[in-house]
Amino acid sequence: MSKSAIVLLTMTLLSLSLLWLVPELQTPIDLALKCTSGAFAIGFLAALMVGRRFKFDPVLR
């Protein structure tokens, strides 16, 4: 896993935990936390796809 994927996963988990631990937030803050956690999750999935490296062995044995 790349460093950017780890950072995005951490940010996603932090925003979701904040949303879960403080349920008495006002509606705009609640909506903002949901949007940011979704954006971080999409960024995490994109970082996983981009950071994936396939090793190619040109010498076939």
PDB file of N, CA and C in Angstrom:
ATOM      1  N   MET A   1       0.849  -1.163   0.000  1.00  0.00           N
ATOM      2  CA  MET A   1       0.000   0.000   0.000  1.00  0.00           C
ATOM      3  C   MET A   1       0.901   1.233   0.000  1.00  0.00           C
ATOM      4  N   SER A   2       0.536   2.189  -0.805  1.00  0.00           N
ATOM      5  CA  SER A   2       1.353   3.395  -0.911  1.00  0.00           C
ATOM      6  C   SER A   2       1.116   4.311   0.295  1.00  0.00           C
ATOM      7  N   LYS A   3       1.994   5.276   0.426  1.00  0.00           N
ATOM      8  CA  LYS A   3       1.882   6.209   1.560  1.00  0.00           C
ATOM      9  C   LYS A   3       0.628   7.064   1.450  1.00  0.00           C
ATOM     10  N   SER A   4       0.287   7.463   0.237  1.00  0.00           N
ATOM     11  CA  SER A   4      -0.918   8.273   0.068  1.00  0.00           C
ATOM     12  C   SER A   4      -2.175   7.474   0.403  1.00  0.00           C
ATOM     13  N   ALA A   5      -2.178   6.188   0.081  1.00  0.00           N
ATOM     14  CA  ALA A   5      -3.330   5.343   0.421  1.00  0.00           C
ATOM     15  C   ALA A   5      -3.463   5.198   1.933  1.00  0.00           C
ATOM     16  N   ILE A   6      -2.348   5.081   2.617  1.00  0.00           N
ATOM     17  CA  ILE A   6      -2.384   4.961   4.079  1.00  0.00           C
ATOM     18  C   ILE A   6      -2.903   6.252   4.711  1.00  0.00           C
ATOM     19  N   VAL A   7      -2.443   7.391   4.191  1.00  0.00           N
ATOM     20  CA  VAL A   7      -2.901   8.682   4.712  1.00  0.00           C
ATOM     21  C   VAL A   7      -4.395   8.867   4.469  1.00  0.00           C
ATOM     22  N   LEU A   8      -4.857   8.529   3.272  1.00  0.00           N
ATOM     23  CA  LEU A   8      -6.273   8.678   2.961  1.00  0.00           C
ATOM     24  C   LEU A   8      -7.135   7.721   3.777  1.00  0.00           C
ATOM     25  N   LEU A   9      -6.654   6.517   4.008  1.00  0.00           N
ATOM     26  CA  LEU A   9      -7.388   5.575   4.847  1.00  0.00           C
ATOM     27  C   LEU A   9      -7.482   6.093   6.279  1.00  0.00           C
ATOM     28  N   THR A  10      -6.391   6.649   6.781  1.00  0.00           N
ATOM     29  CA  THR A  10      -6.394   7.215   8.127  1.00  0.00           C
ATOM     30  C   THR A  10      -7.361   8.385   8.231  1.00  0.00           C
ATOM     31  N   MET A  11      -7.348   9.264   7.245  1.00  0.00           N
ATOM     32  CA  MET A  11      -8.257  10.408   7.255  1.00  0.00           C
ATOM     33  C   MET A  11      -9.713   9.960   7.160  1.00  0.00           C
ATOM     34  N   THR A  12      -9.979   8.919   6.368  1.00  0.00           N
ATOM     35  CA  THR A  12     -11.340   8.390   6.268  1.00  0.00           C
ATOM     36  C   THR A  12     -11.795   7.842   7.606  1.00  0.00           C
ATOM     37  N   LEU A  13     -10.949   7.066   8.242  1.00  0.00           N
ATOM     38  CA  LEU A  13     -11.316   6.479   9.537  1.00  0.00           C
ATOM     39  C   LEU A  13     -11.481   7.548  10.610  1.00  0.00           C
ATOM     40  N   LEU A  14     -10.651   8.579  10.581  1.00  0.00           N
ATOM     41  CA  LEU A  14     -10.788   9.656  11.560  1.00  0.00           C
ATOM     42  C   LEU A  14     -12.091  10.425  11.379  1.00  0.00           C
ATOM     43  N   SER A  15     -12.439  10.736  10.147  1.00  0.00           N
ATOM     44  CA  SER A  15     -13.684  11.483   9.932  1.00  0.00           C
ATOM     45  C   SER A  15     -14.906  10.632  10.251  1.00  0.00           C
ATOM     46  N   LEU A  16     -14.864   9.338   9.948  1.00  0.00           N
ATOM     47  CA  LEU A  16     -15.988   8.469  10.299  1.00  0.00           C
ATOM     48  C   LEU A  16     -16.095   8.256  11.800  1.00  0.00           C
ATOM     49  N   SER A  17     -14.955   8.162  12.477  1.00  0.00           N
ATOM     50  CA  SER A  17     -15.009   7.995  13.931  1.00  0.00           C
ATOM     51  C   SER A  17     -15.518   9.262  14.608  1.00  0.00           C
ATOM     52  N   LEU A  18     -15.133  10.415  14.093  1.00  0.00           N
ATOM     53  CA  LEU A  18     -15.652  11.671  14.636  1.00  0.00           C
ATOM     54  C   LEU A  18     -17.161  11.768  14.414  1.00  0.00           C
ATOM     55  N   LEU A  19     -17.609  11.336  13.268  1.00  0.00           N
ATOM     56  CA  LEU A  19     -19.040  11.341  12.969  1.00  0.00           C
ATOM     57  C   LEU A  19     -19.785  10.380  13.885  1.00  0.00           C
ATOM     58  N   TRP A  20     -19.169   9.240  14.184  1.00  0.00           N
ATOM     59  CA  TRP A  20     -19.805   8.224  15.016  1.00  0.00           C
ATOM     60  C   TRP A  20     -19.754   8.576  16.501  1.00  0.00           C
ATOM     61  N   LEU A  21     -18.654   9.171  16.942  1.00  0.00           N
ATOM     62  CA  LEU A  21     -18.495   9.469  18.363  1.00  0.00           C
ATOM     63  C   LEU A  21     -19.277  10.698  18.823  1.00  0.00           C
ATOM     64  N   VAL A  22     -19.529  11.630  17.938  1.00  0.00           N
ATOM     65  CA  VAL A  22     -20.239  12.844  18.298  1.00  0.00           C
ATOM     66  C   VAL A  22     -21.548  12.894  17.490  1.00  0.00           C
ATOM     67  N   PRO A  23     -22.555  12.152  17.911  1.00  0.00           N
ATOM     68  CA  PRO A  23     -23.788  12.082  17.108  1.00  0.00           C
ATOM     69  C   PRO A  23     -24.666  13.318  17.220  1.00  0.00           C
ATOM     70  N   GLU A  24     -24.408  14.192  18.173  1.00  0.00           N
ATOM     71  CA  GLU A  24     -25.260  15.346  18.406  1.00  0.00           C
ATOM     72  C   GLU A  24     -24.810  16.585  17.637  1.00  0.00           C
ATOM     73  N   LEU A  25     -24.180  16.376  16.495  1.00  0.00           N
ATOM     74  CA  LEU A  25     -23.722  17.516  15.701  1.00  0.00           C
ATOM     75  C   LEU A  25     -24.885  18.140  14.952  1.00  0.00           C
ATOM     76  N   GLN A  26     -24.699  19.390  14.596  1.00  0.00           N
ATOM     77  CA  GLN A  26     -25.714  20.069  13.816  1.00  0.00           C
ATOM     78  C   GLN A  26     -25.698  19.527  12.386  1.00  0.00           C
ATOM     79  N   THR A  27     -26.754  19.751  11.683  1.00  0.00           N
ATOM     80  CA  THR A  27     -26.913  19.182  10.347  1.00  0.00           C
ATOM     81  C   THR A  27     -25.826  19.607   9.360  1.00  0.00           C
ATOM     82  N   PRO A  28     -25.423  20.880   9.262  1.00  0.00           N
ATOM     83  CA  PRO A  28     -24.374  21.225   8.290  1.00  0.00           C
ATOM     84  C   PRO A  28     -23.033  20.554   8.605  1.00  0.00           C
ATOM     85  N   ILE A  29     -22.688  20.455   9.864  1.00  0.00           N
ATOM     86  CA  ILE A  29     -21.429  19.808  10.238  1.00  0.00           C
ATOM     87  C   ILE A  29     -21.512  18.318   9.961  1.00  0.00           C
ATOM     88  N   ASP A  30     -22.650  17.725  10.248  1.00  0.00           N
ATOM     89  CA  ASP A  30     -22.866  16.310   9.994  1.00  0.00           C
ATOM     90  C   ASP A  30     -22.742  16.007   8.499  1.00  0.00           C
ATOM     91  N   LEU A  31     -23.346  16.839   7.684  1.00  0.00           N
ATOM     92  CA  LEU A  31     -23.284  16.669   6.229  1.00  0.00           C
ATOM     93  C   LEU A  31     -21.861  16.866   5.715  1.00  0.00           C
ATOM     94  N   ALA A  32     -21.149  17.828   6.276  1.00  0.00           N
ATOM     95  CA  ALA A  32     -19.764  18.069   5.855  1.00  0.00           C
ATOM     96  C   ALA A  32     -18.870  16.876   6.201  1.00  0.00           C
ATOM     97  N   LEU A  33     -19.067  16.290   7.382  1.00  0.00           N
ATOM     98  CA  LEU A  33     -18.275  15.114   7.758  1.00  0.00           C
ATOM     99  C   LEU A  33     -18.583  13.927   6.863  1.00  0.00           C
ATOM    100  N   LYS A  34     -19.838  13.750   6.495  1.00  0.00           N
ATOM    101  CA  LYS A  34     -20.198  12.658   5.597  1.00  0.00           C
ATOM    102  C   LYS A  34     -19.578  12.858   4.217  1.00  0.00           C
ATOM    103  N   CYS A  35     -19.609  14.081   3.728  1.00  0.00           N
ATOM    104  CA  CYS A  35     -19.023  14.374   2.410  1.00  0.00           C
ATOM    105  C   CYS A  35     -17.509  14.195   2.413  1.00  0.00           C
ATOM    106  N   THR A  36     -16.846  14.672   3.462  1.00  0.00           N
ATOM    107  CA  THR A  36     -15.387  14.530   3.502  1.00  0.00           C
ATOM    108  C   THR A  36     -14.973  13.075   3.666  1.00  0.00           C
ATOM    109  N   SER A  37     -15.708  12.314   4.462  1.00  0.00           N
ATOM    110  CA  SER A  37     -15.354  10.897   4.595  1.00  0.00           C
ATOM    111  C   SER A  37     -15.571  10.159   3.286  1.00  0.00           C
ATOM    112  N   GLY A  38     -16.611  10.526   2.542  1.00  0.00           N
ATOM    113  CA  GLY A  38     -16.827   9.919   1.230  1.00  0.00           C
ATOM    114  C   GLY A  38     -15.736  10.288   0.243  1.00  0.00           C
ATOM    115  N   ALA A  39     -15.326  11.548   0.267  1.00  0.00           N
ATOM    116  CA  ALA A  39     -14.254  11.990  -0.628  1.00  0.00           C
ATOM    117  C   ALA A  39     -12.932  11.305  -0.288  1.00  0.00           C
ATOM    118  N   PHE A  40     -12.637  11.178   1.000  1.00  0.00           N
ATOM    119  CA  PHE A  40     -11.411  10.485   1.404  1.00  0.00           C
ATOM    120  C   PHE A  40     -11.464   9.008   1.014  1.00  0.00           C
ATOM    121  N   ALA A  41     -12.630   8.389   1.126  1.00  0.00           N
ATOM    122  CA  ALA A  41     -12.763   6.973   0.765  1.00  0.00           C
ATOM    123  C   ALA A  41     -12.564   6.780  -0.737  1.00  0.00           C
ATOM    124  N   ILE A  42     -13.114   7.676  -1.539  1.00  0.00           N
ATOM    125  CA  ILE A  42     -12.920   7.588  -2.992  1.00  0.00           C
ATOM    126  C   ILE A  42     -11.453   7.831  -3.339  1.00  0.00           C
ATOM    127  N   GLY A  43     -10.837   8.783  -2.659  1.00  0.00           N
ATOM    128  CA  GLY A  43      -9.410   9.020  -2.872  1.00  0.00           C
ATOM    129  C   GLY A  43      -8.566   7.825  -2.470  1.00  0.00           C
ATOM    130  N   PHE A  44      -8.971   7.145  -1.394  1.00  0.00           N
ATOM    131  CA  PHE A  44      -8.261   5.942  -0.954  1.00  0.00           C
ATOM    132  C   PHE A  44      -8.350   4.847  -2.006  1.00  0.00           C
ATOM    133  N   LEU A  45      -9.537   4.636  -2.548  1.00  0.00           N
ATOM    134  CA  LEU A  45      -9.689   3.614  -3.588  1.00  0.00           C
ATOM    135  C   LEU A  45      -8.898   3.965  -4.845  1.00  0.00           C
ATOM    136  N   ALA A  46      -8.878   5.238  -5.201  1.00  0.00           N
ATOM    137  CA  ALA A  46      -8.099   5.664  -6.361  1.00  0.00           C
ATOM    138  C   ALA A  46      -6.606   5.480  -6.103  1.00  0.00           C
ATOM    139  N   ALA A  47      -6.160   5.771  -4.899  1.00  0.00           N
ATOM    140  CA  ALA A  47      -4.741   5.597  -4.569  1.00  0.00           C
ATOM    141  C   ALA A  47      -4.357   4.127  -4.577  1.00  0.00           C
ATOM    142  N   LEU A  48      -5.286   3.266  -4.177  1.00  0.00           N
ATOM    143  CA  LEU A  48      -4.999   1.837  -4.250  1.00  0.00           C
ATOM    144  C   LEU A  48      -4.866   1.374  -5.693  1.00  0.00           C
ATOM    145  N   MET A  49      -5.733   1.879  -6.567  1.00  0.00           N
ATOM    146  CA  MET A  49      -5.669   1.481  -7.976  1.00  0.00           C
ATOM    147  C   MET A  49      -4.419   2.013  -8.663  1.00  0.00           C
ATOM    148  N   VAL A  50      -4.069   3.243  -8.393  1.00  0.00           N
ATOM    149  CA  VAL A  50      -2.907   3.851  -9.037  1.00  0.00           C
ATOM    150  C   VAL A  50      -1.615   3.275  -8.462  1.00  0.00           C
ATOM    151  N   GLY A  51      -1.594   3.035  -7.176  1.00  0.00           N
ATOM    152  CA  GLY A  51      -0.380   2.564  -6.523  1.00  0.00           C
ATOM    153  C   GLY A  51      -0.080   1.098  -6.741  1.00  0.00           C
ATOM    154  N   ARG A  52      -0.991   0.415  -7.371  1.00  0.00           N
ATOM    155  CA  ARG A  52      -0.787  -1.014  -7.603  1.00  0.00           C
ATOM    156  C   ARG A  52       0.234  -1.200  -8.716  1.00  0.00           C
ATOM    157  N   ARG A  53       1.259  -1.949  -8.428  1.00  0.00           N
ATOM    158  CA  ARG A  53       2.311  -2.166  -9.419  1.00  0.00           C
ATOM    159  C   ARG A  53       2.386  -3.649  -9.757  1.00  0.00           C
ATOM    160  N   PHE A  54       2.395  -3.911 -11.030  1.00  0.00           N
ATOM    161  CA  PHE A  54       2.539  -5.278 -11.490  1.00  0.00           C
ATOM    162  C   PHE A  54       3.995  -5.509 -11.863  1.00  0.00           C
ATOM    163  N   LYS A  55       4.543  -6.565 -11.337  1.00  0.00           N
ATOM    164  CA  LYS A  55       5.924  -6.879 -11.670  1.00  0.00           C
ATOM    165  C   LYS A  55       5.928  -7.751 -12.925  1.00  0.00           C
ATOM    166  N   PHE A  56       6.676  -7.306 -13.889  1.00  0.00           N
ATOM    167  CA  PHE A  56       6.762  -8.005 -15.161  1.00  0.00           C
ATOM    168  C   PHE A  56       8.150  -8.578 -15.301  1.00  0.00           C
ATOM    169  N   ASP A  57       8.220  -9.863 -15.516  1.00  0.00           N
ATOM    170  CA  ASP A  57       9.503 -10.537 -15.709  1.00  0.00           C
ATOM    171  C   ASP A  57       9.683 -10.769 -17.207  1.00  0.00           C
ATOM    172  N   PRO A  58      10.550 -10.007 -17.852  1.00  0.00           N
ATOM    173  CA  PRO A  58      10.699 -10.181 -19.301  1.00  0.00           C
ATOM    174  C   PRO A  58      11.364 -11.493 -19.690  1.00  0.00           C
ATOM    175  N   VAL A  59      12.049 -12.113 -18.754  1.00  0.00           N
ATOM    176  CA  VAL A  59      12.721 -13.369 -19.045  1.00  0.00           C
ATOM    177  C   VAL A  59      11.788 -14.506 -18.624  1.00  0.00           C
ATOM    178  N   LEU A  60      11.261 -15.182 -19.623  1.00  0.00           N
ATOM    179  CA  LEU A  60      10.382 -16.308 -19.332  1.00  0.00           C
ATOM    180  C   LEU A  60      11.233 -17.554 -19.181  1.00  0.00           C
ATOM    181  N   ARG A  61      11.089 -18.222 -18.082  1.00  0.00           N
ATOM    182  CA  ARG A  61      11.934 -19.390 -17.815  1.00  0.00           C
ATOM    183  C   ARG A  61      11.171 -20.653 -18.039  1.00  0.00           C
TER     184      ARG A  61
END
